[in-house]
PDB file of N, CA and C in Angstrom:
ATOM      1  N   MET A   1     145.525 205.300 113.761  1.00  0.00           N
ATOM      2  CA  MET A   1     145.157 206.668 113.548  1.00  0.00           C
ATOM      3  C   MET A   1     143.693 206.741 113.166  1.00  0.00           C
ATOM      4  N   LYS A   2     143.059 207.867 113.467  1.00  0.00           N
ATOM      5  CA  LYS A   2     141.647 208.053 113.142  1.00  0.00           C
ATOM      6  C   LYS A   2     141.519 208.665 111.756  1.00  0.00           C
ATOM      7  N   LEU A   3     140.764 207.989 110.901  1.00  0.00           N
ATOM      8  CA  LEU A   3     140.515 208.434 109.539  1.00  0.00           C
ATOM      9  C   LEU A   3     139.024 208.353 109.268  1.00  0.00           C
ATOM     10  N   THR A   4     138.560 209.108 108.316  1.00  0.00           N
ATOM     11  CA  THR A   4     137.184 208.989 107.859  1.00  0.00           C
ATOM     12  C   THR A   4     137.237 208.483 106.430  1.00  0.00           C
ATOM     13  N   VAL A   5     136.663 207.299 106.211  1.00  0.00           N
ATOM     14  CA  VAL A   5     136.681 206.674 104.894  1.00  0.00           C
ATOM     15  C   VAL A   5     135.256 206.552 104.401  1.00  0.00           C
ATOM     16  N   ASN A   6     134.967 207.232 103.303  1.00  0.00           N
ATOM     17  CA  ASN A   6     133.622 207.240 102.731  1.00  0.00           C
ATOM     18  C   ASN A   6     132.566 207.587 103.786  1.00  0.00           C
ATOM     19  N   GLY A   7     132.899 208.563 104.625  1.00  0.00           N
ATOM     20  CA  GLY A   7     131.969 209.045 105.631  1.00  0.00           C
ATOM     21  C   GLY A   7     131.933 208.241 106.912  1.00  0.00           C
ATOM     22  N   GLU A   8     132.693 207.172 107.000  1.00  0.00           N
ATOM     23  CA  GLU A   8     132.711 206.316 108.187  1.00  0.00           C
ATOM     24  C   GLU A   8     134.003 206.514 108.976  1.00  0.00           C
ATOM     25  N   ALA A   9     133.876 206.790 110.263  1.00  0.00           N
ATOM     26  CA  ALA A   9     135.045 206.955 111.124  1.00  0.00           C
ATOM     27  C   ALA A   9     135.680 205.589 111.376  1.00  0.00           C
ATOM     28  N   LEU A  10     136.978 205.498 111.128  1.00  0.00           N
ATOM     29  CA  LEU A  10     137.719 204.251 111.327  1.00  0.00           C
ATOM     30  C   LEU A  10     139.004 204.524 112.086  1.00  0.00           C
ATOM     31  N   GLU A  11     139.464 203.525 112.797  1.00  0.00           N
ATOM     32  CA  GLU A  11     140.753 203.561 113.479  1.00  0.00           C
ATOM     33  C   GLU A  11     141.634 202.542 112.781  1.00  0.00           C
ATOM     34  N   LEU A  12     142.577 203.024 111.978  1.00  0.00           N
ATOM     35  CA  LEU A  12     143.427 202.132 111.178  1.00  0.00           C
ATOM     36  C   LEU A  12     144.864 202.600 111.222  1.00  0.00           C
ATOM     37  N   ASP A  13     145.760 201.663 111.027  1.00  0.00           N
ATOM     38  CA  ASP A  13     147.179 201.967 110.909  1.00  0.00           C
ATOM     39  C   ASP A  13     147.562 201.830 109.444  1.00  0.00           C
ATOM     40  N   ALA A  14     147.724 202.938 108.747  1.00  0.00           N
ATOM     41  CA  ALA A  14     148.115 202.911 107.342  1.00  0.00           C
ATOM     42  C   ALA A  14     149.052 204.085 107.091  1.00  0.00           C
ATOM     43  N   GLY A  15     150.213 203.791 106.550  1.00  0.00           N
ATOM     44  CA  GLY A  15     151.198 204.838 106.315  1.00  0.00           C
ATOM     45  C   GLY A  15     150.912 205.681 105.092  1.00  0.00           C
ATOM     46  N   ASN A  16     150.279 205.055 104.106  1.00  0.00           N
ATOM     47  CA  ASN A  16     149.973 205.790 102.884  1.00  0.00           C
ATOM     48  C   ASN A  16     148.655 205.280 102.304  1.00  0.00           C
ATOM     49  N   LEU A  17     148.214 205.910 101.243  1.00  0.00           N
ATOM     50  CA  LEU A  17     146.919 205.571 100.669  1.00  0.00           C
ATOM     51  C   LEU A  17     146.891 204.151 100.115  1.00  0.00           C
ATOM     52  N   ALA A  18     147.970 203.701  99.502  1.00  0.00           N
ATOM     53  CA  ALA A  18     148.023 202.332  98.982  1.00  0.00           C
ATOM     54  C   ALA A  18     147.875 201.313 100.112  1.00  0.00           C
ATOM     55  N   ASP A  19     148.514 201.549 101.260  1.00  0.00           N
ATOM     56  CA  ASP A  19     148.380 200.667 102.427  1.00  0.00           C
ATOM     57  C   ASP A  19     146.931 200.604 102.891  1.00  0.00           C
ATOM     58  N   LEU A  20     146.285 201.754 102.940  1.00  0.00           N
ATOM     59  CA  LEU A  20     144.895 201.813 103.376  1.00  0.00           C
ATOM     60  C   LEU A  20     144.002 200.998 102.445  1.00  0.00           C
ATOM     61  N   LEU A  21     144.169 201.171 101.150  1.00  0.00           N
ATOM     62  CA  LEU A  21     143.360 200.418 100.184  1.00  0.00           C
ATOM     63  C   LEU A  21     143.547 198.918 100.358  1.00  0.00           C
ATOM     64  N   ALA A  22     144.779 198.488 100.580  1.00  0.00           N
ATOM     65  CA  ALA A  22     145.055 197.061 100.781  1.00  0.00           C
ATOM     66  C   ALA A  22     144.390 196.553 102.059  1.00  0.00           C
ATOM     67  N   LYS A  23     144.467 197.324 103.141  1.00  0.00           N
ATOM     68  CA  LYS A  23     143.862 196.902 104.411  1.00  0.00           C
ATOM     69  C   LYS A  23     142.340 196.808 104.317  1.00  0.00           C
ATOM     70  N   LEU A  24     141.751 197.635 103.460  1.00  0.00           N
ATOM     71  CA  LEU A  24     140.299 197.627 103.297  1.00  0.00           C
ATOM     72  C   LEU A  24     139.850 196.728 102.146  1.00  0.00           C
ATOM     73  N   ASP A  25     140.777 195.971 101.566  1.00  0.00           N
ATOM     74  CA  ASP A  25     140.502 195.035 100.477  1.00  0.00           C
ATOM     75  C   ASP A  25     139.947 195.692  99.216  1.00  0.00           C
ATOM     76  N   TYR A  26     140.403 196.902  98.930  1.00  0.00           N
ATOM     77  CA  TYR A  26     140.069 197.541  97.659  1.00  0.00           C
ATOM     78  C   TYR A  26     141.158 197.173  96.671  1.00  0.00           C
ATOM     79  N   GLU A  27     140.753 196.642  95.537  1.00  0.00           N
ATOM     80  CA  GLU A  27     141.709 196.246  94.511  1.00  0.00           C
ATOM     81  C   GLU A  27     141.269 196.791  93.174  1.00  0.00           C
ATOM     82  N   GLY A  28     142.202 196.923  92.279  1.00  0.00           N
ATOM     83  CA  GLY A  28     141.879 197.302  90.917  1.00  0.00           C
ATOM     84  C   GLY A  28     142.392 198.680  90.553  1.00  0.00           C
ATOM     85  N   ASP A  29     142.700 198.826  89.299  1.00  0.00           N
ATOM     86  CA  ASP A  29     143.207 200.089  88.785  1.00  0.00           C
ATOM     87  C   ASP A  29     142.085 201.070  88.490  1.00  0.00           C
ATOM     88  N   TRP A  30     140.858 200.651  88.585  1.00  0.00           N
ATOM     89  CA  TRP A  30     139.705 201.456  88.206  1.00  0.00           C
ATOM     90  C   TRP A  30     139.146 202.280  89.356  1.00  0.00           C
ATOM     91  N   LEU A  31     139.770 202.233  90.515  1.00  0.00           N
ATOM     92  CA  LEU A  31     139.301 203.016  91.657  1.00  0.00           C
ATOM     93  C   LEU A  31     139.645 204.493  91.485  1.00  0.00           C
ATOM     94  N   ALA A  32     138.800 205.345  92.002  1.00  0.00           N
ATOM     95  CA  ALA A  32     139.106 206.769  92.103  1.00  0.00           C
ATOM     96  C   ALA A  32     139.267 207.077  93.584  1.00  0.00           C
ATOM     97  N   THR A  33     140.301 207.826  93.935  1.00  0.00           N
ATOM     98  CA  THR A  33     140.556 208.127  95.342  1.00  0.00           C
ATOM     99  C   THR A  33     140.803 209.623  95.535  1.00  0.00           C
ATOM    100  N   ALA A  34     140.368 210.106  96.686  1.00  0.00           N
ATOM    101  CA  ALA A  34     140.603 211.497  97.063  1.00  0.00           C
ATOM    102  C   ALA A  34     140.914 211.547  98.550  1.00  0.00           C
ATOM    103  N   VAL A  35     141.810 212.440  98.924  1.00  0.00           N
ATOM    104  CA  VAL A  35     142.143 212.671 100.324  1.00  0.00           C
ATOM    105  C   VAL A  35     141.884 214.149 100.609  1.00  0.00           C
ATOM    106  N   ASN A  36     141.024 214.396 101.577  1.00  0.00           N
ATOM    107  CA  ASN A  36     140.651 215.760 101.954  1.00  0.00           C
ATOM    108  C   ASN A  36     140.177 216.577 100.749  1.00  0.00           C
ATOM    109  N   GLY A  37     139.459 215.911  99.846  1.00  0.00           N
ATOM    110  CA  GLY A  37     138.879 216.579  98.694  1.00  0.00           C
ATOM    111  C   GLY A  37     139.785 216.705  97.487  1.00  0.00           C
ATOM    112  N   ASP A  38     141.032 216.264  97.609  1.00  0.00           N
ATOM    113  CA  ASP A  38     141.978 216.346  96.496  1.00  0.00           C
ATOM    114  C   ASP A  38     142.165 214.975  95.862  1.00  0.00           C
ATOM    115  N   LEU A  39     141.993 214.896  94.551  1.00  0.00           N
ATOM    116  CA  LEU A  39     142.157 213.657  93.816  1.00  0.00           C
ATOM    117  C   LEU A  39     143.586 213.135  93.966  1.00  0.00           C
ATOM    118  N   VAL A  40     143.707 211.830  94.221  1.00  0.00           N
ATOM    119  CA  VAL A  40     145.019 211.189  94.288  1.00  0.00           C
ATOM    120  C   VAL A  40     145.045 210.121  93.202  1.00  0.00           C
ATOM    121  N   HIS A  41     145.908 210.319  92.205  1.00  0.00           N
ATOM    122  CA  HIS A  41     146.005 209.390  91.080  1.00  0.00           C
ATOM    123  C   HIS A  41     146.632 208.068  91.520  1.00  0.00           C
ATOM    124  N   ARG A  42     146.297 207.032  90.810  1.00  0.00           N
ATOM    125  CA  ARG A  42     146.775 205.675  91.116  1.00  0.00           C
ATOM    126  C   ARG A  42     148.288 205.643  91.313  1.00  0.00           C
ATOM    127  N   GLU A  43     149.016 206.331  90.453  1.00  0.00           N
ATOM    128  CA  GLU A  43     150.488 206.310  90.511  1.00  0.00           C
ATOM    129  C   GLU A  43     151.035 206.971  91.776  1.00  0.00           C
ATOM    130  N   GLU A  44     150.236 207.793  92.428  1.00  0.00           N
ATOM    131  CA  GLU A  44     150.697 208.543  93.604  1.00  0.00           C
ATOM    132  C   GLU A  44     150.270 207.921  94.935  1.00  0.00           C
ATOM    133  N   ARG A  45     149.453 206.891  94.895  1.00  0.00           N
ATOM    134  CA  ARG A  45     148.894 206.337  96.142  1.00  0.00           C
ATOM    135  C   ARG A  45     149.947 205.791  97.090  1.00  0.00           C
ATOM    136  N   ALA A  46     150.978 205.140  96.563  1.00  0.00           N
ATOM    137  CA  ALA A  46     151.999 204.528  97.419  1.00  0.00           C
ATOM    138  C   ALA A  46     152.883 205.574  98.097  1.00  0.00           C
ATOM    139  N   VAL A  47     152.905 206.790  97.562  1.00  0.00           N
ATOM    140  CA  VAL A  47     153.745 207.830  98.155  1.00  0.00           C
ATOM    141  C   VAL A  47     152.921 208.939  98.797  1.00  0.00           C
ATOM    142  N   HIS A  48     151.598 208.774  98.808  1.00  0.00           N
ATOM    143  CA  HIS A  48     150.741 209.788  99.421  1.00  0.00           C
ATOM    144  C   HIS A  48     150.531 209.434 100.897  1.00  0.00           C
ATOM    145  N   PRO A  49     151.202 210.144 101.804  1.00  0.00           N
ATOM    146  CA  PRO A  49     151.097 209.811 103.232  1.00  0.00           C
ATOM    147  C   PRO A  49     149.727 210.177 103.795  1.00  0.00           C
ATOM    148  N   LEU A  50     149.315 209.434 104.790  1.00  0.00           N
ATOM    149  CA  LEU A  50     148.076 209.735 105.496  1.00  0.00           C
ATOM    150  C   LEU A  50     148.421 210.246 106.885  1.00  0.00           C
ATOM    151  N   LYS A  51     147.560 211.123 107.403  1.00  0.00           N
ATOM    152  CA  LYS A  51     147.777 211.639 108.759  1.00  0.00           C
ATOM    153  C   LYS A  51     146.458 211.639 109.517  1.00  0.00           C
ATOM    154  N   GLU A  52     146.565 211.734 110.795  1.00  0.00           N
ATOM    155  CA  GLU A  52     145.407 211.740 111.690  1.00  0.00           C
ATOM    156  C   GLU A  52     144.346 212.723 111.195  1.00  0.00           C
ATOM    157  N   GLY A  53     143.110 212.256 111.113  1.00  0.00           N
ATOM    158  CA  GLY A  53     141.998 213.121 110.753  1.00  0.00           C
ATOM    159  C   GLY A  53     141.724 213.250 109.268  1.00  0.00           C
ATOM    160  N   ASP A  54     142.533 212.603 108.415  1.00  0.00           N
ATOM    161  CA  ASP A  54     142.295 212.697 106.978  1.00  0.00           C
ATOM    162  C   ASP A  54     140.936 212.126 106.604  1.00  0.00           C
ATOM    163  N   ARG A  55     140.338 212.726 105.574  1.00  0.00           N
ATOM    164  CA  ARG A  55     139.072 212.254 105.016  1.00  0.00           C
ATOM    165  C   ARG A  55     139.370 211.639 103.660  1.00  0.00           C
ATOM    166  N   ILE A  56     139.094 210.356 103.520  1.00  0.00           N
ATOM    167  CA  ILE A  56     139.388 209.616 102.297  1.00  0.00           C
ATOM    168  C   ILE A  56     138.088 209.198 101.626  1.00  0.00           C
ATOM    169  N   GLU A  57     138.018 209.419 100.333  1.00  0.00           N
ATOM    170  CA  GLU A  57     136.880 208.949  99.540  1.00  0.00           C
ATOM    171  C   GLU A  57     137.422 207.929  98.548  1.00  0.00           C
ATOM    172  N   ILE A  58     136.754 206.788  98.491  1.00  0.00           N
ATOM    173  CA  ILE A  58     137.124 205.717  97.563  1.00  0.00           C
ATOM    174  C   ILE A  58     135.894 205.423  96.729  1.00  0.00           C
ATOM    175  N   LEU A  59     136.007 205.618  95.437  1.00  0.00           N
ATOM    176  CA  LEU A  59     134.883 205.412  94.532  1.00  0.00           C
ATOM    177  C   LEU A  59     135.216 204.307  93.546  1.00  0.00           C
ATOM    178  N   SER A  60     134.235 203.455  93.324  1.00  0.00           N
ATOM    179  CA  SER A  60     134.402 202.413  92.318  1.00  0.00           C
ATOM    180  C   SER A  60     133.183 202.420  91.403  1.00  0.00           C
ATOM    181  N   PRO A  61     133.385 202.098  90.135  1.00  0.00           N
ATOM    182  CA  PRO A  61     132.260 202.105  89.213  1.00  0.00           C
ATOM    183  C   PRO A  61     131.235 201.033  89.583  1.00  0.00           C
ATOM    184  N   MET A  62     129.977 201.339  89.317  1.00  0.00           N
ATOM    185  CA  MET A  62     128.913 200.380  89.602  1.00  0.00           C
ATOM    186  C   MET A  62     128.375 199.828  88.284  1.00  0.00           C
ATOM    187  N   GLN A  63     128.062 198.561  88.302  1.00  0.00           N
ATOM    188  CA  GLN A  63     127.459 197.947  87.136  1.00  0.00           C
ATOM    189  C   GLN A  63     125.938 198.013  87.276  1.00  0.00           C
ATOM    190  N   GLY A  64     125.300 198.104  86.176  1.00  0.00           N
ATOM    191  CA  GLY A  64     123.848 198.151  86.225  1.00  0.00           C
ATOM    192  C   GLY A  64     123.298 198.317  84.818  1.00  0.00           C
ATOM    193  N   GLY A  65     122.017 198.349  84.758  1.00  0.00           N
ATOM    194  CA  GLY A  65     121.492 198.502  83.416  1.00  0.00           C
ATOM    195  C   GLY A  65     120.061 198.796  83.360  1.00  0.00           C
TER     196      GLY A  65
END
């Protein structure tokens, strides 16, 4: 299916948000995720279905100083 992840068009097979994160090698409880502009909490990722054309944002904290 065609998805847009962090502004990049991708063709991926993922049934839900948790599957997508695993396929893209995103790990950790500290990620923030949104689908089509709506925040998806960590506890809901495995049951949040994805569909053709969804826009996913994955944010992770940056270290710096």
